[in-house]
């Protein structure tokens, strides 16, 4: 039995629909997720190692163009860090989470704020340069390496919160809120201190 050209075209169109569903396009996820923090976190993750690599080549090889490129990556990494920290602080009240996730989140937030301070220091330090090379170049490189390490460590922590603990993953909310038979309450940030129970009256 031979296949007609019309049948072939229909089969090709069906195959294309199975491989590519255009109805899924349009950034719909931005309206469906709990918060937009994940949109920004990858910029510092990518840009700090890039800045370290380029600055390292530029300082060790006395390569001026690499230092210029490294400084550009550093400035973009700083901007990404600001966006990640701000959206992260806004995100902490947007999804249900248990005590374990909350504990991890506090460490994640502390490292994020430290990264903001360190990246600010590095940007100011990079401005104090001579022939595109930062002053005290090797100490600068050490601080940049430490900052890059913290960025990657915080990325690991954030990934564990999401992919292992299920933080801000909608299908996992029922599991998180229903731990231990539904008796474990989710943690919120709206009440930092618990109200003390009223004094029992003596009878």
C-alpha atoms as a PDB file:
ATOM      1  CA  UNK A   1       0.000   0.000   0.000  1.00  0.00           C
ATOM      2  CA  UNK A   2       1.506   3.315  -1.096  1.00  0.00           C
ATOM      3  CA  UNK A   3       1.273   6.513   0.931  1.00  0.00           C
ATOM      4  CA  UNK A   4      -0.143   9.509  -0.921  1.00  0.00           C
ATOM      5  CA  UNK A   5       1.531  12.946  -0.762  1.00  0.00           C
ATOM      6  CA  UNK A   6      -1.527  14.312   1.066  1.00  0.00           C
ATOM      7  CA  UNK A   7      -1.209  11.628   3.732  1.00  0.00           C
ATOM      8  CA  UNK A   8       2.503  12.345   4.080  1.00  0.00           C
ATOM      9  CA  UNK A   9       1.890  16.070   4.590  1.00  0.00           C
ATOM     10  CA  UNK A  10      -0.776  15.321   7.190  1.00  0.00           C
ATOM     11  CA  UNK A  11       1.578  12.948   8.990  1.00  0.00           C
ATOM     12  CA  UNK A  12       4.352  15.565   8.951  1.00  0.00           C
ATOM     13  CA  UNK A  13       2.021  18.210  10.394  1.00  0.00           C
ATOM     14  CA  UNK A  14       0.924  15.796  13.125  1.00  0.00           C
ATOM     15  CA  UNK A  15       4.541  14.978  13.910  1.00  0.00           C
ATOM     16  CA  UNK A  16       5.393  18.694  14.149  1.00  0.00           C
ATOM     17  CA  UNK A  17       2.511  19.289  16.558  1.00  0.00           C
ATOM     18  CA  UNK A  18       3.783  16.452  18.754  1.00  0.00           C
ATOM     19  CA  UNK A  19       7.315  17.893  18.791  1.00  0.00           C
ATOM     20  CA  UNK A  20       6.486  21.593  19.059  1.00  0.00           C
ATOM     21  CA  UNK A  21       3.423  22.945  20.868  1.00  0.00           C
ATOM     22  CA  UNK A  22       3.312  26.689  20.185  1.00  0.00           C
ATOM     23  CA  UNK A  23       0.502  27.157  22.738  1.00  0.00           C
ATOM     24  CA  UNK A  24       3.102  26.633  25.479  1.00  0.00           C
ATOM     25  CA  UNK A  25       5.047  29.739  24.430  1.00  0.00           C
ATOM     26  CA  UNK A  26       4.553  33.316  25.671  1.00  0.00           C
ATOM     27  CA  UNK A  27       6.285  33.352  29.086  1.00  0.00           C
ATOM     28  CA  UNK A  28       3.195  31.936  30.774  1.00  0.00           C
ATOM     29  CA  UNK A  29       5.344  30.595  33.574  1.00  0.00           C
ATOM     30  CA  UNK A  30       5.944  34.118  34.920  1.00  0.00           C
ATOM     31  CA  UNK A  31       2.256  34.234  35.867  1.00  0.00           C
ATOM     32  CA  UNK A  32       2.110  30.684  37.175  1.00  0.00           C
ATOM     33  CA  UNK A  33       5.076  30.482  39.554  1.00  0.00           C
ATOM     34  CA  UNK A  34       4.970  31.645  43.166  1.00  0.00           C
ATOM     35  CA  UNK A  35       7.615  34.344  42.527  1.00  0.00           C
ATOM     36  CA  UNK A  36      10.131  35.549  39.925  1.00  0.00           C
ATOM     37  CA  UNK A  37      13.256  34.963  42.028  1.00  0.00           C
ATOM     38  CA  UNK A  38      14.382  32.002  39.845  1.00  0.00           C
ATOM     39  CA  UNK A  39      14.434  34.297  36.806  1.00  0.00           C
ATOM     40  CA  UNK A  40      17.345  36.321  38.199  1.00  0.00           C
ATOM     41  CA  UNK A  41      19.464  33.883  40.212  1.00  0.00           C
ATOM     42  CA  UNK A  42      21.340  32.471  37.225  1.00  0.00           C
ATOM     43  CA  UNK A  43      22.953  35.780  36.262  1.00  0.00           C
ATOM     44  CA  UNK A  44      25.409  35.915  39.200  1.00  0.00           C
ATOM     45  CA  UNK A  45      25.923  32.140  38.937  1.00  0.00           C
ATOM     46  CA  UNK A  46      27.162  32.550  35.359  1.00  0.00           C
ATOM     47  CA  UNK A  47      28.816  35.965  35.564  1.00  0.00           C
ATOM     48  CA  UNK A  48      30.967  35.676  38.705  1.00  0.00           C
ATOM     49  CA  UNK A  49      32.886  32.626  37.402  1.00  0.00           C
ATOM     50  CA  UNK A  50      33.248  34.431  34.064  1.00  0.00           C
ATOM     51  CA  UNK A  51      34.632  37.502  35.816  1.00  0.00           C
ATOM     52  CA  UNK A  52      37.031  35.323  37.822  1.00  0.00           C
ATOM     53  CA  UNK A  53      38.286  33.540  34.710  1.00  0.00           C
ATOM     54  CA  UNK A  54      38.790  36.737  32.709  1.00  0.00           C
ATOM     55  CA  UNK A  55      40.358  38.692  35.570  1.00  0.00           C
ATOM     56  CA  UNK A  56      42.600  35.721  36.324  1.00  0.00           C
ATOM     57  CA  UNK A  57      43.851  35.602  32.742  1.00  0.00           C
ATOM     58  CA  UNK A  58      44.200  39.370  32.622  1.00  0.00           C
ATOM     59  CA  UNK A  59      46.153  39.650  35.878  1.00  0.00           C
ATOM     60  CA  UNK A  60      48.385  36.603  35.451  1.00  0.00           C
ATOM     61  CA  UNK A  61      49.146  37.226  31.770  1.00  0.00           C
ATOM     62  CA  UNK A  62      49.050  41.014  32.062  1.00  0.00           C
ATOM     63  CA  UNK A  63      46.332  40.935  29.394  1.00  0.00           C
ATOM     64  CA  UNK A  64      44.534  44.280  29.414  1.00  0.00           C
ATOM     65  CA  UNK A  65      41.573  43.228  27.243  1.00  0.00           C
ATOM     66  CA  UNK A  66      40.789  40.305  29.545  1.00  0.00           C
ATOM     67  CA  UNK A  67      40.715  42.663  32.547  1.00  0.00           C
ATOM     68  CA  UNK A  68      38.280  44.932  30.697  1.00  0.00           C
ATOM     69  CA  UNK A  69      36.036  41.956  29.907  1.00  0.00           C
ATOM     70  CA  UNK A  70      36.325  40.735  33.489  1.00  0.00           C
ATOM     71  CA  UNK A  71      35.253  44.119  34.829  1.00  0.00           C
ATOM     72  CA  UNK A  72      32.242  44.130  32.493  1.00  0.00           C
ATOM     73  CA  UNK A  73      31.230  40.681  33.772  1.00  0.00           C
ATOM     74  CA  UNK A  74      31.726  41.862  37.351  1.00  0.00           C
ATOM     75  CA  UNK A  75      29.421  44.857  36.865  1.00  0.00           C
ATOM     76  CA  UNK A  76      26.746  42.654  35.301  1.00  0.00           C
ATOM     77  CA  UNK A  77      27.203  40.126  38.118  1.00  0.00           C
ATOM     78  CA  UNK A  78      26.663  42.910  40.643  1.00  0.00           C
ATOM     79  CA  UNK A  79      23.439  43.944  38.897  1.00  0.00           C
ATOM     80  CA  UNK A  80      22.286  40.325  38.853  1.00  0.00           C
ATOM     81  CA  UNK A  81      23.105  39.959  42.533  1.00  0.00           C
ATOM     82  CA  UNK A  82      20.997  43.006  43.410  1.00  0.00           C
ATOM     83  CA  UNK A  83      18.070  41.625  41.412  1.00  0.00           C
ATOM     84  CA  UNK A  84      18.454  38.158  42.965  1.00  0.00           C
ATOM     85  CA  UNK A  85      18.677  39.487  46.532  1.00  0.00           C
ATOM     86  CA  UNK A  86      15.717  41.864  46.155  1.00  0.00           C
ATOM     87  CA  UNK A  87      13.466  39.262  44.532  1.00  0.00           C
ATOM     88  CA  UNK A  88      14.633  36.689  47.078  1.00  0.00           C
ATOM     89  CA  UNK A  89      13.628  38.902  49.986  1.00  0.00           C
ATOM     90  CA  UNK A  90      10.264  39.470  48.313  1.00  0.00           C
ATOM     91  CA  UNK A  91       9.857  35.730  47.657  1.00  0.00           C
ATOM     92  CA  UNK A  92      10.160  34.414  51.201  1.00  0.00           C
ATOM     93  CA  UNK A  93       6.504  35.085  52.045  1.00  0.00           C
ATOM     94  CA  UNK A  94       5.044  33.937  48.725  1.00  0.00           C
ATOM     95  CA  UNK A  95       4.898  30.151  49.187  1.00  0.00           C
ATOM     96  CA  UNK A  96       4.082  27.680  51.968  1.00  0.00           C
ATOM     97  CA  UNK A  97       7.113  26.046  53.556  1.00  0.00           C
ATOM     98  CA  UNK A  98       7.995  23.987  56.591  1.00  0.00           C
ATOM     99  CA  UNK A  99      10.590  24.525  59.303  1.00  0.00           C
ATOM    100  CA  UNK A 100      13.349  22.694  57.432  1.00  0.00           C
ATOM    101  CA  UNK A 101      12.934  24.841  54.321  1.00  0.00           C
ATOM    102  CA  UNK A 102      12.725  27.948  56.493  1.00  0.00           C
ATOM    103  CA  UNK A 103      15.988  27.017  58.209  1.00  0.00           C
ATOM    104  CA  UNK A 104      17.720  26.553  54.845  1.00  0.00           C
ATOM    105  CA  UNK A 105      16.166  29.765  53.560  1.00  0.00           C
ATOM    106  CA  UNK A 106      17.683  31.812  56.380  1.00  0.00           C
ATOM    107  CA  UNK A 107      21.179  30.579  55.514  1.00  0.00           C
ATOM    108  CA  UNK A 108      20.461  31.201  51.824  1.00  0.00           C
ATOM    109  CA  UNK A 109      19.390  34.760  52.619  1.00  0.00           C
ATOM    110  CA  UNK A 110      22.412  35.452  54.843  1.00  0.00           C
ATOM    111  CA  UNK A 111      24.819  34.304  52.135  1.00  0.00           C
ATOM    112  CA  UNK A 112      22.926  36.370  49.561  1.00  0.00           C
ATOM    113  CA  UNK A 113      23.309  39.550  51.604  1.00  0.00           C
ATOM    114  CA  UNK A 114      27.009  38.764  52.146  1.00  0.00           C
ATOM    115  CA  UNK A 115      27.383  38.358  48.382  1.00  0.00           C
ATOM    116  CA  UNK A 116      25.791  41.748  47.821  1.00  0.00           C
ATOM    117  CA  UNK A 117      28.307  43.366  50.202  1.00  0.00           C
ATOM    118  CA  UNK A 118      31.256  41.514  48.677  1.00  0.00           C
ATOM    119  CA  UNK A 119      30.237  42.336  45.119  1.00  0.00           C
ATOM    120  CA  UNK A 120      29.848  46.002  46.083  1.00  0.00           C
ATOM    121  CA  UNK A 121      33.382  45.952  47.499  1.00  0.00           C
ATOM    122  CA  UNK A 122      34.717  44.312  44.328  1.00  0.00           C
ATOM    123  CA  UNK A 123      33.037  46.842  42.044  1.00  0.00           C
ATOM    124  CA  UNK A 124      34.496  49.773  44.010  1.00  0.00           C
ATOM    125  CA  UNK A 125      37.876  48.011  44.078  1.00  0.00           C
ATOM    126  CA  UNK A 126      37.771  47.446  40.313  1.00  0.00           C
ATOM    127  CA  UNK A 127      37.327  51.179  39.728  1.00  0.00           C
ATOM    128  CA  UNK A 128      40.631  51.784  41.489  1.00  0.00           C
ATOM    129  CA  UNK A 129      42.707  50.412  38.635  1.00  0.00           C
ATOM    130  CA  UNK A 130      45.818  51.163  36.675  1.00  0.00           C
ATOM    131  CA  UNK A 131      46.054  50.176  33.014  1.00  0.00           C
ATOM    132  CA  UNK A 132      42.773  48.216  33.452  1.00  0.00           C
ATOM    133  CA  UNK A 133      44.412  46.161  36.231  1.00  0.00           C
ATOM    134  CA  UNK A 134      42.929  46.561  39.744  1.00  0.00           C
ATOM    135  CA  UNK A 135      45.269  47.808  42.422  1.00  0.00           C
ATOM    136  CA  UNK A 136      46.498  45.012  44.725  1.00  0.00           C
ATOM    137  CA  UNK A 137      45.545  42.686  41.904  1.00  0.00           C
ATOM    138  CA  UNK A 138      46.216  39.342  43.570  1.00  0.00           C
ATOM    139  CA  UNK A 139      44.304  40.117  46.794  1.00  0.00           C
ATOM    140  CA  UNK A 140      41.486  41.332  44.512  1.00  0.00           C
ATOM    141  CA  UNK A 141      41.598  37.989  42.708  1.00  0.00           C
ATOM    142  CA  UNK A 142      41.434  36.114  46.027  1.00  0.00           C
ATOM    143  CA  UNK A 143      38.349  38.075  47.144  1.00  0.00           C
ATOM    144  CA  UNK A 144      36.742  37.506  43.739  1.00  0.00           C
ATOM    145  CA  UNK A 145      37.466  33.768  44.020  1.00  0.00           C
ATOM    146  CA  UNK A 146      35.902  33.689  47.509  1.00  0.00           C
ATOM    147  CA  UNK A 147      32.849  35.532  46.201  1.00  0.00           C
ATOM    148  CA  UNK A 148      32.537  33.090  43.321  1.00  0.00           C
ATOM    149  CA  UNK A 149      32.745  30.175  45.742  1.00  0.00           C
ATOM    150  CA  UNK A 150      29.927  31.663  47.845  1.00  0.00           C
ATOM    151  CA  UNK A 151      27.805  32.211  44.741  1.00  0.00           C
ATOM    152  CA  UNK A 152      28.168  28.560  43.745  1.00  0.00           C
ATOM    153  CA  UNK A 153      27.579  27.402  47.329  1.00  0.00           C
ATOM    154  CA  UNK A 154      24.397  29.456  47.553  1.00  0.00           C
ATOM    155  CA  UNK A 155      23.281  28.085  44.188  1.00  0.00           C
ATOM    156  CA  UNK A 156      23.729  24.572  45.577  1.00  0.00           C
ATOM    157  CA  UNK A 157      21.691  25.474  48.653  1.00  0.00           C
ATOM    158  CA  UNK A 158      18.926  27.027  46.568  1.00  0.00           C
ATOM    159  CA  UNK A 159      18.865  23.997  44.296  1.00  0.00           C
ATOM    160  CA  UNK A 160      18.533  21.669  47.284  1.00  0.00           C
ATOM    161  CA  UNK A 161      15.642  23.718  48.635  1.00  0.00           C
ATOM    162  CA  UNK A 162      13.786  23.459  45.329  1.00  0.00           C
ATOM    163  CA  UNK A 163      14.720  20.097  43.835  1.00  0.00           C
ATOM    164  CA  UNK A 164      15.110  18.066  47.044  1.00  0.00           C
ATOM    165  CA  UNK A 165      12.825  19.792  49.570  1.00  0.00           C
ATOM    166  CA  UNK A 166      10.259  21.051  47.029  1.00  0.00           C
ATOM    167  CA  UNK A 167      10.341  24.736  48.010  1.00  0.00           C
ATOM    168  CA  UNK A 168       8.092  26.872  45.756  1.00  0.00           C
ATOM    169  CA  UNK A 169       7.144  23.829  43.660  1.00  0.00           C
ATOM    170  CA  UNK A 170       3.359  23.843  43.364  1.00  0.00           C
ATOM    171  CA  UNK A 171       2.832  20.063  43.096  1.00  0.00           C
ATOM    172  CA  UNK A 172       4.917  19.637  46.273  1.00  0.00           C
ATOM    173  CA  UNK A 173       2.897  22.092  48.392  1.00  0.00           C
ATOM    174  CA  UNK A 174       0.402  19.444  49.543  1.00  0.00           C
ATOM    175  CA  UNK A 175       3.282  17.203  50.625  1.00  0.00           C
ATOM    176  CA  UNK A 176       5.070  20.023  52.475  1.00  0.00           C
ATOM    177  CA  UNK A 177       1.931  21.246  54.229  1.00  0.00           C
ATOM    178  CA  UNK A 178       0.769  17.724  55.030  1.00  0.00           C
ATOM    179  CA  UNK A 179       3.924  16.318  56.617  1.00  0.00           C
ATOM    180  CA  UNK A 180       3.499  13.990  59.594  1.00  0.00           C
ATOM    181  CA  UNK A 181      -0.159  13.380  58.879  1.00  0.00           C
ATOM    182  CA  UNK A 182      -1.016  17.011  58.405  1.00  0.00           C
ATOM    183  CA  UNK A 183       0.023  18.086  61.897  1.00  0.00           C
ATOM    184  CA  UNK A 184       3.078  20.148  60.900  1.00  0.00           C
ATOM    185  CA  UNK A 185       2.103  23.743  60.241  1.00  0.00           C
ATOM    186  CA  UNK A 186       3.738  25.721  57.489  1.00  0.00           C
ATOM    187  CA  UNK A 187       6.071  28.491  58.494  1.00  0.00           C
ATOM    188  CA  UNK A 188       5.194  32.097  57.791  1.00  0.00           C
ATOM    189  CA  UNK A 189       7.219  35.269  58.185  1.00  0.00           C
ATOM    190  CA  UNK A 190       4.340  37.495  59.187  1.00  0.00           C
ATOM    191  CA  UNK A 191       4.719  36.763  62.896  1.00  0.00           C
ATOM    192  CA  UNK A 192       8.342  36.868  63.922  1.00  0.00           C
ATOM    193  CA  UNK A 193       7.493  36.541  67.616  1.00  0.00           C
ATOM    194  CA  UNK A 194       4.803  34.311  69.010  1.00  0.00           C
ATOM    195  CA  UNK A 195       2.294  35.852  71.339  1.00  0.00           C
ATOM    196  CA  UNK A 196       2.686  34.642  74.863  1.00  0.00           C
ATOM    197  CA  UNK A 197      -0.386  32.876  76.229  1.00  0.00           C
ATOM    198  CA  UNK A 198      -2.354  34.879  78.776  1.00  0.00           C
ATOM    199  CA  UNK A 199      -1.501  34.281  82.382  1.00  0.00           C
ATOM    200  CA  UNK A 200      -3.658  31.666  83.980  1.00  0.00           C
ATOM    201  CA  UNK A 201      -5.815  33.132  86.636  1.00  0.00           C
ATOM    202  CA  UNK A 202      -5.486  31.656  90.092  1.00  0.00           C
ATOM    203  CA  UNK A 203      -8.668  30.332  91.524  1.00  0.00           C
END
